[in-house]
N, C-alpha and C. Protein backbone atom coordinates (compact mmCIF):
# COMPACT_ATOMS: atom_id res chain seq x y z
N UNK A 1 1.61 -82.44 -0.35
CA UNK A 1 0.97 -81.36 0.31
C UNK A 1 1.33 -80.03 -0.34
N UNK A 2 2.54 -79.92 -0.75
CA UNK A 2 2.97 -78.71 -1.45
C UNK A 2 2.23 -78.55 -2.76
N UNK A 3 2.01 -79.66 -3.45
CA UNK A 3 1.29 -79.61 -4.72
C UNK A 3 -0.14 -79.13 -4.51
N UNK A 4 -0.74 -79.55 -3.42
CA UNK A 4 -2.10 -79.13 -3.14
C UNK A 4 -2.20 -77.63 -2.90
N UNK A 5 -1.23 -77.09 -2.14
CA UNK A 5 -1.22 -75.65 -1.87
C UNK A 5 -1.02 -74.89 -3.17
N UNK A 6 -0.14 -75.40 -4.03
CA UNK A 6 0.10 -74.73 -5.31
C UNK A 6 -1.15 -74.79 -6.17
N UNK A 7 -1.85 -75.90 -6.16
CA UNK A 7 -3.08 -76.07 -6.94
C UNK A 7 -4.14 -75.10 -6.43
N UNK A 8 -4.26 -75.01 -5.11
CA UNK A 8 -5.25 -74.11 -4.52
C UNK A 8 -4.92 -72.66 -4.87
N UNK A 9 -3.65 -72.28 -4.82
CA UNK A 9 -3.23 -70.92 -5.18
C UNK A 9 -3.52 -70.64 -6.63
N UNK A 10 -3.29 -71.60 -7.51
CA UNK A 10 -3.57 -71.44 -8.94
C UNK A 10 -5.05 -71.27 -9.18
N UNK A 11 -5.87 -72.05 -8.47
CA UNK A 11 -7.31 -71.94 -8.63
C UNK A 11 -7.80 -70.55 -8.18
N UNK A 12 -7.29 -70.10 -7.08
CA UNK A 12 -7.68 -68.77 -6.59
C UNK A 12 -7.23 -67.68 -7.57
N UNK A 13 -6.05 -67.84 -8.13
CA UNK A 13 -5.52 -66.88 -9.09
C UNK A 13 -6.41 -66.84 -10.33
N UNK A 14 -6.78 -68.03 -10.84
CA UNK A 14 -7.65 -68.10 -12.01
C UNK A 14 -9.03 -67.52 -11.71
N UNK A 15 -9.49 -67.78 -10.51
CA UNK A 15 -10.79 -67.23 -10.12
C UNK A 15 -10.73 -65.70 -10.09
N UNK A 16 -9.64 -65.13 -9.55
CA UNK A 16 -9.47 -63.67 -9.53
C UNK A 16 -9.39 -63.11 -10.94
N UNK A 17 -8.72 -63.83 -11.84
CA UNK A 17 -8.58 -63.36 -13.22
C UNK A 17 -9.90 -63.39 -13.98
N UNK A 18 -10.83 -64.20 -13.56
CA UNK A 18 -12.12 -64.27 -14.24
C UNK A 18 -13.03 -63.08 -13.83
N UNK A 19 -12.67 -62.35 -12.79
CA UNK A 19 -13.45 -61.18 -12.33
C UNK A 19 -13.29 -60.05 -13.35
N UNK A 20 -14.39 -59.47 -13.86
CA UNK A 20 -14.30 -58.39 -14.87
C UNK A 20 -13.55 -57.15 -14.37
N UNK A 21 -13.69 -56.81 -13.11
CA UNK A 21 -12.98 -55.65 -12.56
C UNK A 21 -11.48 -55.87 -12.62
N UNK A 22 -11.05 -57.08 -12.25
CA UNK A 22 -9.62 -57.41 -12.28
C UNK A 22 -9.13 -57.38 -13.72
N UNK A 23 -9.91 -57.91 -14.63
CA UNK A 23 -9.52 -57.91 -16.05
C UNK A 23 -9.38 -56.46 -16.56
N UNK A 24 -10.30 -55.58 -16.17
CA UNK A 24 -10.23 -54.18 -16.60
C UNK A 24 -9.00 -53.50 -16.01
N UNK A 25 -8.69 -53.76 -14.74
CA UNK A 25 -7.52 -53.18 -14.10
C UNK A 25 -6.24 -53.63 -14.78
N UNK A 26 -6.18 -54.92 -15.15
CA UNK A 26 -4.99 -55.45 -15.84
C UNK A 26 -4.85 -54.80 -17.21
N UNK A 27 -5.95 -54.60 -17.89
CA UNK A 27 -5.93 -53.96 -19.20
C UNK A 27 -5.39 -52.52 -19.08
N UNK A 28 -5.90 -51.80 -18.12
CA UNK A 28 -5.44 -50.41 -17.90
C UNK A 28 -3.96 -50.41 -17.55
N UNK A 29 -3.54 -51.31 -16.70
CA UNK A 29 -2.13 -51.41 -16.31
C UNK A 29 -1.25 -51.71 -17.51
N UNK A 30 -1.69 -52.59 -18.37
CA UNK A 30 -0.91 -52.93 -19.56
C UNK A 30 -0.79 -51.71 -20.48
N UNK A 31 -1.86 -50.94 -20.61
CA UNK A 31 -1.82 -49.75 -21.47
C UNK A 31 -0.90 -48.67 -20.89
N UNK A 32 -0.77 -48.63 -19.58
CA UNK A 32 0.05 -47.61 -18.94
C UNK A 32 1.50 -48.04 -18.77
N UNK A 33 1.84 -49.24 -19.15
CA UNK A 33 3.21 -49.72 -18.98
C UNK A 33 4.26 -48.82 -19.64
N UNK A 34 4.04 -48.27 -20.85
CA UNK A 34 5.06 -47.38 -21.41
C UNK A 34 5.34 -46.14 -20.54
N UNK A 35 4.29 -45.56 -20.00
CA UNK A 35 4.48 -44.39 -19.12
C UNK A 35 5.19 -44.80 -17.84
N UNK A 36 4.82 -45.94 -17.30
CA UNK A 36 5.47 -46.44 -16.08
C UNK A 36 6.94 -46.68 -16.35
N UNK A 37 7.24 -47.24 -17.51
CA UNK A 37 8.63 -47.51 -17.88
C UNK A 37 9.41 -46.19 -17.95
N UNK A 38 8.84 -45.15 -18.61
CA UNK A 38 9.53 -43.85 -18.72
C UNK A 38 9.76 -43.24 -17.34
N UNK A 39 8.78 -43.34 -16.47
CA UNK A 39 8.91 -42.80 -15.12
C UNK A 39 10.00 -43.50 -14.35
N UNK A 40 10.05 -44.81 -14.44
CA UNK A 40 11.09 -45.58 -13.75
C UNK A 40 12.47 -45.21 -14.29
N UNK A 41 12.59 -45.09 -15.61
CA UNK A 41 13.89 -44.71 -16.21
C UNK A 41 14.32 -43.31 -15.77
N UNK A 42 13.38 -42.37 -15.72
CA UNK A 42 13.70 -41.02 -15.27
C UNK A 42 14.13 -41.02 -13.81
N UNK A 43 13.44 -41.81 -12.99
CA UNK A 43 13.82 -41.91 -11.58
C UNK A 43 15.20 -42.52 -11.43
N UNK A 44 15.50 -43.51 -12.25
CA UNK A 44 16.85 -44.12 -12.20
C UNK A 44 17.91 -43.10 -12.60
N UNK A 45 17.63 -42.30 -13.64
CA UNK A 45 18.59 -41.29 -14.08
C UNK A 45 18.80 -40.25 -12.99
N UNK A 46 17.72 -39.81 -12.36
CA UNK A 46 17.84 -38.84 -11.27
C UNK A 46 18.60 -39.41 -10.09
N UNK A 47 18.37 -40.68 -9.80
CA UNK A 47 19.08 -41.35 -8.71
C UNK A 47 20.56 -41.46 -9.04
N UNK A 48 20.88 -41.73 -10.28
CA UNK A 48 22.28 -41.80 -10.67
C UNK A 48 22.97 -40.45 -10.52
N UNK A 49 22.29 -39.35 -10.92
CA UNK A 49 22.86 -38.00 -10.78
C UNK A 49 23.06 -37.68 -9.31
N UNK A 50 22.06 -37.98 -8.50
CA UNK A 50 22.16 -37.69 -7.07
C UNK A 50 23.28 -38.49 -6.44
N UNK A 51 23.43 -39.75 -6.83
CA UNK A 51 24.50 -40.60 -6.29
C UNK A 51 25.86 -40.07 -6.69
N UNK A 52 25.99 -39.64 -7.95
CA UNK A 52 27.29 -39.12 -8.39
C UNK A 52 27.62 -37.81 -7.70
N UNK A 53 26.61 -36.97 -7.44
CA UNK A 53 26.86 -35.71 -6.72
C UNK A 53 27.28 -36.00 -5.29
N UNK A 54 26.61 -36.96 -4.65
CA UNK A 54 26.98 -37.30 -3.28
C UNK A 54 28.39 -37.87 -3.20
N UNK A 55 28.84 -38.54 -4.22
CA UNK A 55 30.20 -39.09 -4.23
C UNK A 55 31.24 -38.02 -4.54
N UNK A 56 30.82 -36.95 -5.24
CA UNK A 56 31.74 -35.88 -5.63
C UNK A 56 31.80 -34.84 -4.49
N UNK A 57 32.82 -34.92 -3.67
CA UNK A 57 32.97 -34.06 -2.50
C UNK A 57 33.12 -32.58 -2.88
N UNK A 58 33.82 -32.33 -3.96
CA UNK A 58 34.04 -30.94 -4.37
C UNK A 58 32.71 -30.28 -4.76
N UNK A 59 31.87 -30.99 -5.50
CA UNK A 59 30.57 -30.45 -5.89
C UNK A 59 29.70 -30.21 -4.66
N UNK A 60 29.75 -31.13 -3.71
CA UNK A 60 28.98 -30.97 -2.47
C UNK A 60 29.44 -29.74 -1.71
N UNK A 61 30.75 -29.56 -1.59
CA UNK A 61 31.29 -28.41 -0.88
C UNK A 61 30.83 -27.12 -1.56
N UNK A 62 30.91 -27.08 -2.89
CA UNK A 62 30.47 -25.90 -3.64
C UNK A 62 28.98 -25.63 -3.41
N UNK A 63 28.17 -26.67 -3.45
CA UNK A 63 26.73 -26.54 -3.25
C UNK A 63 26.42 -26.01 -1.86
N UNK A 64 27.06 -26.57 -0.84
CA UNK A 64 26.81 -26.12 0.53
C UNK A 64 27.31 -24.70 0.77
N UNK A 65 28.40 -24.31 0.14
CA UNK A 65 28.90 -22.94 0.29
C UNK A 65 27.90 -21.96 -0.31
N UNK A 66 27.34 -22.32 -1.46
CA UNK A 66 26.35 -21.43 -2.09
C UNK A 66 25.09 -21.32 -1.24
N UNK A 67 24.63 -22.46 -0.73
CA UNK A 67 23.43 -22.45 0.12
C UNK A 67 23.70 -21.65 1.38
N UNK A 68 24.88 -21.85 1.98
CA UNK A 68 25.23 -21.12 3.20
C UNK A 68 25.30 -19.62 2.91
N UNK A 69 25.86 -19.24 1.76
CA UNK A 69 25.94 -17.84 1.39
C UNK A 69 24.56 -17.23 1.19
N UNK A 70 23.66 -17.98 0.62
CA UNK A 70 22.30 -17.48 0.41
C UNK A 70 21.54 -17.36 1.73
N UNK A 71 21.74 -18.32 2.61
CA UNK A 71 21.01 -18.31 3.89
C UNK A 71 21.56 -17.29 4.87
N UNK A 72 22.85 -16.91 4.72
CA UNK A 72 23.43 -15.97 5.67
C UNK A 72 22.75 -14.60 5.61
N UNK A 73 22.13 -14.28 4.49
CA UNK A 73 21.40 -13.02 4.39
C UNK A 73 20.16 -13.03 5.28
N UNK A 74 19.67 -14.20 5.62
CA UNK A 74 18.43 -14.31 6.36
C UNK A 74 18.64 -14.60 7.85
N UNK A 75 19.83 -14.36 8.35
CA UNK A 75 20.05 -14.54 9.78
C UNK A 75 19.20 -13.51 10.53
N UNK A 76 18.44 -13.97 11.47
CA UNK A 76 17.50 -13.11 12.17
C UNK A 76 18.06 -12.79 13.56
N UNK A 77 18.08 -11.50 13.87
CA UNK A 77 18.55 -11.06 15.18
C UNK A 77 17.35 -10.80 16.07
N UNK A 78 17.62 -10.61 17.36
CA UNK A 78 16.55 -10.40 18.33
C UNK A 78 15.74 -9.15 18.01
N UNK A 79 16.43 -8.08 17.56
CA UNK A 79 15.72 -6.85 17.24
C UNK A 79 14.74 -7.07 16.09
N UNK A 80 15.15 -7.88 15.12
CA UNK A 80 14.26 -8.17 13.99
C UNK A 80 13.03 -8.93 14.44
N UNK A 81 13.22 -9.88 15.33
CA UNK A 81 12.09 -10.66 15.84
C UNK A 81 11.16 -9.77 16.65
N UNK A 82 11.75 -8.90 17.50
CA UNK A 82 10.93 -7.97 18.28
C UNK A 82 10.13 -7.05 17.36
N UNK A 83 10.79 -6.55 16.32
CA UNK A 83 10.11 -5.67 15.37
C UNK A 83 8.99 -6.41 14.66
N UNK A 84 9.23 -7.66 14.33
CA UNK A 84 8.21 -8.46 13.66
C UNK A 84 6.99 -8.64 14.56
N UNK A 85 7.21 -8.94 15.84
CA UNK A 85 6.08 -9.11 16.76
C UNK A 85 5.35 -7.79 16.99
N UNK A 86 6.10 -6.67 17.04
CA UNK A 86 5.46 -5.36 17.17
C UNK A 86 4.59 -5.09 15.96
N UNK A 87 5.13 -5.40 14.79
CA UNK A 87 4.37 -5.22 13.57
C UNK A 87 3.11 -6.10 13.57
N UNK A 88 3.25 -7.32 14.03
CA UNK A 88 2.09 -8.22 14.09
C UNK A 88 1.05 -7.70 15.07
N UNK A 89 1.51 -7.11 16.20
CA UNK A 89 0.57 -6.53 17.16
C UNK A 89 -0.21 -5.36 16.55
N UNK A 90 0.46 -4.59 15.72
CA UNK A 90 -0.18 -3.42 15.12
C UNK A 90 -0.90 -3.73 13.82
N UNK A 91 -0.85 -4.96 13.38
CA UNK A 91 -1.43 -5.34 12.10
C UNK A 91 -2.92 -5.02 12.00
N UNK A 92 -3.76 -5.27 13.02
CA UNK A 92 -5.19 -4.92 12.87
C UNK A 92 -5.40 -3.43 12.59
N UNK A 93 -4.65 -2.59 13.29
CA UNK A 93 -4.79 -1.15 13.07
C UNK A 93 -4.29 -0.78 11.68
N UNK A 94 -3.18 -1.38 11.26
CA UNK A 94 -2.65 -1.10 9.93
C UNK A 94 -3.63 -1.55 8.85
N UNK A 95 -4.26 -2.68 9.07
CA UNK A 95 -5.25 -3.17 8.10
C UNK A 95 -6.42 -2.19 8.01
N UNK A 96 -6.83 -1.64 9.15
CA UNK A 96 -7.91 -0.66 9.15
C UNK A 96 -7.51 0.56 8.32
N UNK A 97 -6.30 1.07 8.55
CA UNK A 97 -5.82 2.23 7.79
C UNK A 97 -5.71 1.90 6.30
N UNK A 98 -5.23 0.73 6.00
CA UNK A 98 -5.08 0.34 4.59
C UNK A 98 -6.45 0.23 3.93
N UNK A 99 -7.43 -0.29 4.66
CA UNK A 99 -8.79 -0.38 4.11
C UNK A 99 -9.35 1.01 3.82
N UNK A 100 -9.12 1.95 4.75
CA UNK A 100 -9.59 3.32 4.53
C UNK A 100 -8.89 3.93 3.33
N UNK A 101 -7.57 3.74 3.23
CA UNK A 101 -6.83 4.25 2.08
C UNK A 101 -7.31 3.62 0.78
N UNK A 102 -7.60 2.34 0.84
CA UNK A 102 -8.08 1.65 -0.34
C UNK A 102 -9.44 2.20 -0.78
N UNK A 103 -10.32 2.47 0.19
CA UNK A 103 -11.62 3.03 -0.14
C UNK A 103 -11.47 4.43 -0.72
N UNK A 104 -10.56 5.22 -0.13
CA UNK A 104 -10.33 6.57 -0.65
C UNK A 104 -9.76 6.51 -2.06
N UNK A 105 -8.84 5.59 -2.29
CA UNK A 105 -8.26 5.43 -3.63
C UNK A 105 -9.33 5.01 -4.63
N UNK A 106 -10.17 4.06 -4.24
CA UNK A 106 -11.25 3.62 -5.13
C UNK A 106 -12.19 4.79 -5.44
N UNK A 107 -12.50 5.59 -4.41
CA UNK A 107 -13.38 6.75 -4.62
C UNK A 107 -12.74 7.74 -5.58
N UNK A 108 -11.45 8.04 -5.36
CA UNK A 108 -10.78 9.01 -6.23
C UNK A 108 -10.65 8.49 -7.66
N UNK A 109 -10.42 7.19 -7.80
CA UNK A 109 -10.35 6.61 -9.14
C UNK A 109 -11.70 6.71 -9.84
N UNK A 110 -12.77 6.39 -9.11
CA UNK A 110 -14.10 6.47 -9.73
C UNK A 110 -14.46 7.91 -10.03
N UNK A 111 -14.04 8.84 -9.15
CA UNK A 111 -14.29 10.25 -9.38
C UNK A 111 -13.53 10.73 -10.61
N UNK A 112 -12.32 10.22 -10.79
CA UNK A 112 -11.52 10.60 -11.95
C UNK A 112 -12.13 10.11 -13.26
N UNK A 113 -12.88 9.06 -13.20
CA UNK A 113 -13.50 8.49 -14.41
C UNK A 113 -14.89 9.05 -14.68
N UNK A 114 -15.56 9.57 -13.65
CA UNK A 114 -16.94 10.01 -13.78
C UNK A 114 -16.99 11.54 -13.94
N UNK A 115 -17.26 12.00 -15.14
CA UNK A 115 -17.31 13.44 -15.45
C UNK A 115 -18.44 14.14 -14.70
N UNK A 116 -19.56 13.47 -14.51
CA UNK A 116 -20.70 14.07 -13.83
C UNK A 116 -20.35 14.35 -12.36
N UNK A 117 -19.67 13.41 -11.70
CA UNK A 117 -19.25 13.60 -10.30
C UNK A 117 -18.23 14.73 -10.20
N UNK A 118 -17.33 14.81 -11.17
CA UNK A 118 -16.34 15.89 -11.17
C UNK A 118 -17.04 17.24 -11.27
N UNK A 119 -18.02 17.33 -12.13
CA UNK A 119 -18.75 18.60 -12.30
C UNK A 119 -19.52 18.94 -11.02
N UNK A 120 -20.12 17.96 -10.39
CA UNK A 120 -20.86 18.17 -9.14
C UNK A 120 -19.91 18.67 -8.04
N UNK A 121 -18.73 18.05 -7.94
CA UNK A 121 -17.74 18.47 -6.95
C UNK A 121 -17.25 19.88 -7.23
N UNK A 122 -17.01 20.19 -8.49
CA UNK A 122 -16.56 21.53 -8.87
C UNK A 122 -17.62 22.57 -8.53
N UNK A 123 -18.87 22.27 -8.82
CA UNK A 123 -19.96 23.20 -8.48
C UNK A 123 -20.07 23.40 -6.97
N UNK A 124 -19.89 22.34 -6.21
CA UNK A 124 -19.94 22.45 -4.76
C UNK A 124 -18.80 23.31 -4.23
N UNK A 125 -17.62 23.14 -4.79
CA UNK A 125 -16.48 23.97 -4.36
C UNK A 125 -16.71 25.43 -4.73
N UNK A 126 -17.30 25.67 -5.90
CA UNK A 126 -17.59 27.05 -6.31
C UNK A 126 -18.55 27.71 -5.33
N UNK A 127 -19.50 26.93 -4.80
CA UNK A 127 -20.47 27.48 -3.86
C UNK A 127 -19.78 27.97 -2.59
N UNK A 128 -18.70 27.31 -2.17
CA UNK A 128 -17.96 27.73 -0.98
C UNK A 128 -16.97 28.84 -1.31
N UNK A 129 -16.41 28.80 -2.50
CA UNK A 129 -15.38 29.77 -2.88
C UNK A 129 -15.99 31.10 -3.30
N UNK A 130 -17.17 31.08 -3.88
CA UNK A 130 -17.79 32.30 -4.41
C UNK A 130 -17.91 33.42 -3.36
N UNK A 131 -18.44 33.16 -2.15
CA UNK A 131 -18.54 34.26 -1.18
C UNK A 131 -17.17 34.83 -0.78
N UNK A 132 -16.20 33.97 -0.62
CA UNK A 132 -14.86 34.44 -0.27
C UNK A 132 -14.28 35.24 -1.42
N UNK A 133 -14.49 34.78 -2.62
CA UNK A 133 -13.99 35.47 -3.81
C UNK A 133 -14.61 36.85 -3.94
N UNK A 134 -15.91 36.95 -3.66
CA UNK A 134 -16.59 38.25 -3.72
C UNK A 134 -16.00 39.20 -2.69
N UNK A 135 -15.75 38.73 -1.47
CA UNK A 135 -15.18 39.58 -0.42
C UNK A 135 -13.76 40.03 -0.79
N UNK A 136 -12.97 39.12 -1.36
CA UNK A 136 -11.61 39.48 -1.76
C UNK A 136 -11.66 40.53 -2.87
N UNK A 137 -12.53 40.33 -3.85
CA UNK A 137 -12.67 41.30 -4.93
C UNK A 137 -13.11 42.66 -4.39
N UNK A 138 -14.03 42.66 -3.43
CA UNK A 138 -14.50 43.90 -2.82
C UNK A 138 -13.35 44.61 -2.11
N UNK A 139 -12.56 43.85 -1.35
CA UNK A 139 -11.42 44.44 -0.65
C UNK A 139 -10.38 45.00 -1.61
N UNK A 140 -10.11 44.30 -2.68
CA UNK A 140 -9.15 44.77 -3.68
C UNK A 140 -9.66 46.06 -4.33
N UNK A 141 -10.96 46.11 -4.60
CA UNK A 141 -11.55 47.31 -5.21
C UNK A 141 -11.42 48.51 -4.28
N UNK A 142 -11.64 48.30 -2.98
CA UNK A 142 -11.51 49.39 -2.01
C UNK A 142 -10.06 49.90 -1.98
N UNK A 143 -9.10 48.99 -1.93
CA UNK A 143 -7.69 49.41 -1.89
C UNK A 143 -7.30 50.14 -3.18
N UNK A 144 -7.79 49.69 -4.33
CA UNK A 144 -7.46 50.35 -5.59
C UNK A 144 -8.06 51.76 -5.64
N UNK A 145 -9.30 51.91 -5.16
CA UNK A 145 -9.93 53.22 -5.13
C UNK A 145 -9.19 54.16 -4.18
N UNK A 146 -8.78 53.65 -2.99
CA UNK A 146 -8.04 54.47 -2.03
C UNK A 146 -6.70 54.89 -2.62
N UNK A 147 -6.05 53.98 -3.31
CA UNK A 147 -4.76 54.30 -3.91
C UNK A 147 -4.92 55.39 -4.98
N UNK A 148 -5.96 55.27 -5.79
CA UNK A 148 -6.22 56.28 -6.84
C UNK A 148 -6.50 57.63 -6.23
N UNK A 149 -7.30 57.71 -5.18
CA UNK A 149 -7.59 58.99 -4.51
C UNK A 149 -6.33 59.59 -3.90
N UNK A 150 -5.51 58.75 -3.28
CA UNK A 150 -4.28 59.25 -2.65
C UNK A 150 -3.34 59.81 -3.70
N UNK A 151 -3.30 59.21 -4.86
CA UNK A 151 -2.42 59.72 -5.93
C UNK A 151 -2.95 61.04 -6.51
N UNK A 152 -4.28 61.24 -6.49
CA UNK A 152 -4.85 62.50 -7.02
C UNK A 152 -4.63 63.67 -6.06
N UNK A 153 -4.62 63.40 -4.77
CA UNK A 153 -4.45 64.49 -3.79
C UNK A 153 -2.98 64.88 -3.72
N UNK A 154 -2.77 66.17 -3.74
CA UNK A 154 -1.38 66.64 -3.67
C UNK A 154 -1.13 67.56 -2.48
N UNK A 155 -2.19 68.03 -1.78
CA UNK A 155 -2.01 68.93 -0.64
C UNK A 155 -1.41 68.18 0.54
N UNK A 156 -0.58 68.84 1.32
CA UNK A 156 0.04 68.20 2.48
C UNK A 156 -0.99 67.94 3.59
N UNK A 157 -0.70 66.93 4.42
CA UNK A 157 -1.57 66.58 5.54
C UNK A 157 -1.11 67.39 6.73
N UNK A 158 -2.05 68.14 7.32
CA UNK A 158 -1.70 68.99 8.47
C UNK A 158 -2.02 68.28 9.77
N UNK A 159 -1.59 68.87 10.86
CA UNK A 159 -1.85 68.33 12.20
C UNK A 159 -3.35 68.37 12.46
N UNK A 160 -4.02 69.40 11.99
CA UNK A 160 -5.45 69.51 12.21
C UNK A 160 -6.20 68.41 11.44
N UNK A 161 -5.70 68.05 10.24
CA UNK A 161 -6.31 66.98 9.47
C UNK A 161 -6.13 65.65 10.21
N UNK A 162 -4.95 65.44 10.78
CA UNK A 162 -4.71 64.22 11.56
C UNK A 162 -5.62 64.18 12.79
N UNK A 163 -5.78 65.33 13.47
CA UNK A 163 -6.64 65.39 14.65
C UNK A 163 -8.08 65.05 14.27
N UNK A 164 -8.53 65.59 13.12
CA UNK A 164 -9.87 65.32 12.64
C UNK A 164 -10.03 63.83 12.32
N UNK A 165 -8.99 63.23 11.70
CA UNK A 165 -9.02 61.80 11.38
C UNK A 165 -9.06 60.94 12.64
N UNK A 166 -8.40 61.40 13.69
CA UNK A 166 -8.34 60.63 14.93
C UNK A 166 -9.72 60.45 15.55
N UNK A 167 -10.64 61.34 15.27
CA UNK A 167 -11.99 61.25 15.82
C UNK A 167 -12.87 60.27 15.02
N UNK A 168 -12.45 59.92 13.83
CA UNK A 168 -13.23 59.01 12.98
C UNK A 168 -13.30 57.62 13.65
N UNK A 169 -14.52 57.03 13.76
CA UNK A 169 -14.68 55.74 14.43
C UNK A 169 -13.86 54.61 13.77
N UNK A 170 -13.73 54.64 12.46
CA UNK A 170 -12.98 53.59 11.77
C UNK A 170 -11.51 53.68 12.14
N UNK A 171 -10.98 54.90 12.20
CA UNK A 171 -9.57 55.09 12.58
C UNK A 171 -9.37 54.67 14.03
N UNK A 172 -10.31 55.02 14.91
CA UNK A 172 -10.22 54.64 16.32
C UNK A 172 -10.19 53.11 16.47
N UNK A 173 -11.05 52.44 15.75
CA UNK A 173 -11.11 50.97 15.80
C UNK A 173 -9.81 50.37 15.30
N UNK A 174 -9.28 50.91 14.21
CA UNK A 174 -8.03 50.41 13.63
C UNK A 174 -6.87 50.65 14.59
N UNK A 175 -6.83 51.82 15.23
CA UNK A 175 -5.76 52.13 16.19
C UNK A 175 -5.82 51.22 17.41
N UNK A 176 -7.03 50.94 17.91
CA UNK A 176 -7.18 50.02 19.06
C UNK A 176 -6.68 48.62 18.67
N UNK A 177 -7.05 48.17 17.47
CA UNK A 177 -6.60 46.87 17.01
C UNK A 177 -5.07 46.83 16.89
N UNK A 178 -4.49 47.88 16.31
CA UNK A 178 -3.03 47.95 16.15
C UNK A 178 -2.35 47.95 17.51
N UNK A 179 -2.88 48.71 18.46
CA UNK A 179 -2.31 48.76 19.81
C UNK A 179 -2.38 47.37 20.47
N UNK A 180 -3.51 46.70 20.37
CA UNK A 180 -3.65 45.36 20.97
C UNK A 180 -2.72 44.36 20.29
N UNK A 181 -2.60 44.46 18.98
CA UNK A 181 -1.70 43.57 18.24
C UNK A 181 -0.26 43.76 18.70
N UNK A 182 0.16 44.99 18.88
CA UNK A 182 1.53 45.25 19.34
C UNK A 182 1.75 44.72 20.76
N UNK A 183 0.75 44.84 21.63
CA UNK A 183 0.86 44.31 22.99
C UNK A 183 1.01 42.78 22.98
N UNK A 184 0.19 42.11 22.17
CA UNK A 184 0.25 40.64 22.08
C UNK A 184 1.60 40.20 21.54
N UNK A 185 2.08 40.88 20.50
CA UNK A 185 3.40 40.54 19.93
C UNK A 185 4.51 40.73 20.97
N UNK A 186 4.41 41.77 21.75
CA UNK A 186 5.43 42.02 22.79
C UNK A 186 5.40 40.93 23.85
N UNK A 187 4.20 40.51 24.26
CA UNK A 187 4.09 39.45 25.25
C UNK A 187 4.65 38.14 24.72
N UNK A 188 4.34 37.81 23.49
CA UNK A 188 4.83 36.56 22.91
C UNK A 188 6.34 36.57 22.75
N UNK A 189 6.91 37.68 22.37
CA UNK A 189 8.37 37.73 22.20
C UNK A 189 9.08 37.71 23.54
N UNK A 190 8.45 38.22 24.62
CA UNK A 190 9.06 38.17 25.96
C UNK A 190 9.04 36.76 26.53
N UNK A 191 8.05 35.93 26.15
CA UNK A 191 7.96 34.56 26.66
C UNK A 191 9.05 33.68 26.09
N UNK A 192 9.54 33.98 24.91
CA UNK A 192 10.58 33.17 24.29
C UNK A 192 11.86 33.46 24.95
């Protein structure tokens, strides 16, 4: 009975070997045997190193001390965890700000590279600055002319000249402004 089972197993084995797919798989396996051998040898060498390290208590102690020293830097306290969760809660808002900053940076970079945009921006700024510049130049011219006239006059200022000046609407307006300014300054300094 044993012989029959062995015969049947042999027949099935031969039948499997006659299958072209099985023959192709065996051929591929035979071609890969050198690589399989190298892999097994490397695994054995690694296993031998690991076994020798596990047997060497001093090396293990040194290894664990180094790992413990490295991990001790990462001990997390409650405040750190709370801060992390706070940061995670604020992350959507931070991402929004970062996106805006990124867009602004991209715009400024493209503006820095585009000479035509730079010229357009400069012309636009000149359009806003020009009226202010004209007013400043006009004011400087008035002060320079007044200074020149004052230096040319040498006669003393009399009380009657001051009285006459006091009636001038421009002087009256300036005096009212000065009086109001002094009142406001006095009120602000009394509040402190």
